[in-house]
Amino acid sequence: MKRLFSEVYLHLIAGIIAIGILGISAHTLWVDRLSTLQEAERSSRNVLTAVARDLDGSLELLDLSLKGAMEGLRHLNFRDMPADLQYRMLFDRAASSSFMGTLLLVDAAGNLIADAGPIIAPRSLNVADREYFTVHKENLHLGLYVSRPFRSKTSQGEISIAISRRLSNADGSFAGVVMGALPLDTINQRFSNLSLGAKSAINLFRNDGILLTRFPYDEKQINQDLSGSPHVQRLLREKSGTFESISPIDGVRRIISFERLERYPLVLTVALSVDDVFSSWWRKVLILSVVTLVLCCAVVGLTILFQRELKRRTRAETKLRRIARTDDLTGLPNRRAFRETFEREWRQSVRSSTALSLLYVDADYFKNFNDRYGHGRGDEVLRAIAGALDANIRRPRDVAARFGGEEFVIVLPETDLAGALTIAEKIRQTVTAMSIAHEGSPYHIVTVSIGAASVQPSRGSDKEILLEAADQALYQAKASGRNAIHSLKAEARLLRRMLPNAAA
């Protein structure tokens, strides 16, 4: 039981240590993950703020260019001015807008009035089929409009988006459109210096869910209507924010920071790939997992070693206790073990009010045997007698022990005197039947003498009286000629006076 408790305690301590290591590792990784996520969100917000400000300033300059052209066109004497003065009045502000690709003025029929080229010169160009033209023609109070991406007719077919305003006559009727084109290449060049990660992206949406442009640029991905995506609906519904989602464009999970431009119908997003963000964290996970595994294996290994050492020590202690209680020569319990057993069985007999019997067994003429045959043969005889004793006691609580020299003692719990005498006779006959030659004995073989005593002890009685009675019985068996069993029946009255219910 003590060994079991020690093993349980050892496993409990090892389990607590292993759980502690795992808990500390898991907590460290979780805190580091939260820190990595917060840092990524903070970085994406910073990049978003910088890009949004730059885009907002560029659009403002472009819008001012549109308004400047509209004001110049409304000047009363505009048509009578020289060409170079007309150019300045229309496009002087456009010179400050590096973001712009093309600036056009078209009439109500979609024909080109002027563009921001080197000079004002008539040329054939009609944009009546363009979205930025038709939408103003059909809507009186639309204001600033951002078109879907289109392939330009004037700039070698580059893909652009248009920022446009309506031109109106004095009576409010449609007079044309002023439009500034933003090449997508120009917009994406603003993003190319940003180091966001291989799978990260910057997206520019219109406020109806149309994807205007995207960095890294892929022509197949732009001009999509993504208004039906829950991902994009959140962008259009809220003013700004950060969340994690799977992109409806390419299916990559990203951390998205978004912001609606205050003065323009646009939504800008900076999306950092979750794989890119947590790549260094996963390396830490791998390293810390290996370290944790090694530590846990070390704990398990030490536990196994300690357990083996505990078992070894337990076996050694058990062996030492057995050696301390065992006679080396015969393998029977020794005198110390007999005393412990006798004490235990005496107390049990007192509690249960049952009989307790003793047999003292002595090898006859053993000194003569040693003198004639030597101590080696004498040891063999003692081992043979011990085997005879052990063979004739059957119950688990019956114990045969070597008392000293050639003397043995047998404890017989819950056995009366008649039962003890029966066992004694079997032992005597077994030893005689072995027919071990002994020329120094009148019987010419090895024999034993046995003294038997039994008692039913009561509380407060002295156990030494039973020992003395068995010893006296053995003395009388030897005095009567040996190879005999004696129980001191003639002295039963004296024994009863000394110890009630005892017989010897």
Foldseek 3Di string as FASTA:
>chain_A
DVLVVVLVVLVVVLVVVLVVLVVVLVVVLVVVVVVLVVVLVVVQVVVQVVLLVVVLVLVVLVVVLQVQLLVLVPDPCLVVDDFVVNLCSNGVSVVPRPQFDKKFWAWLQQFTQAINDPTGDDDGDGDCVPPLWVVCQVDQPPAWDKAAWAQDPPPVRAIWIKTKGFHADPVSHGTTMIITTGGQVSSVVVVPPDDQDDPKKKWKAFLQQATRAMPVGDPVQHRDRPNVDPVVVVQNPDAWDWDWDQDPRPRFIWIKTKHQNDPHRMIMITTHGPCGSCVVSVVVVVVSVVVSVVVSVVSVVVSVVVSVVSVVVVVVVVVVVLVVQADPLQRFGEQVVVVVLLVVLLVVLQVVLAKKKKKKKAKPPLVQQCVVPNVVVSSVLLNQLSVLLVVLDDDPSWGKYAHDDRMIMIIDHRDAQVRVVVSVVSSQVSQVVVQDADPPAPVRGIGMEMFMKMFRAHPPADPVLNVVQRVVQSVVRVVVRGSYYGWPQVCQVVSCVRTNRMTD
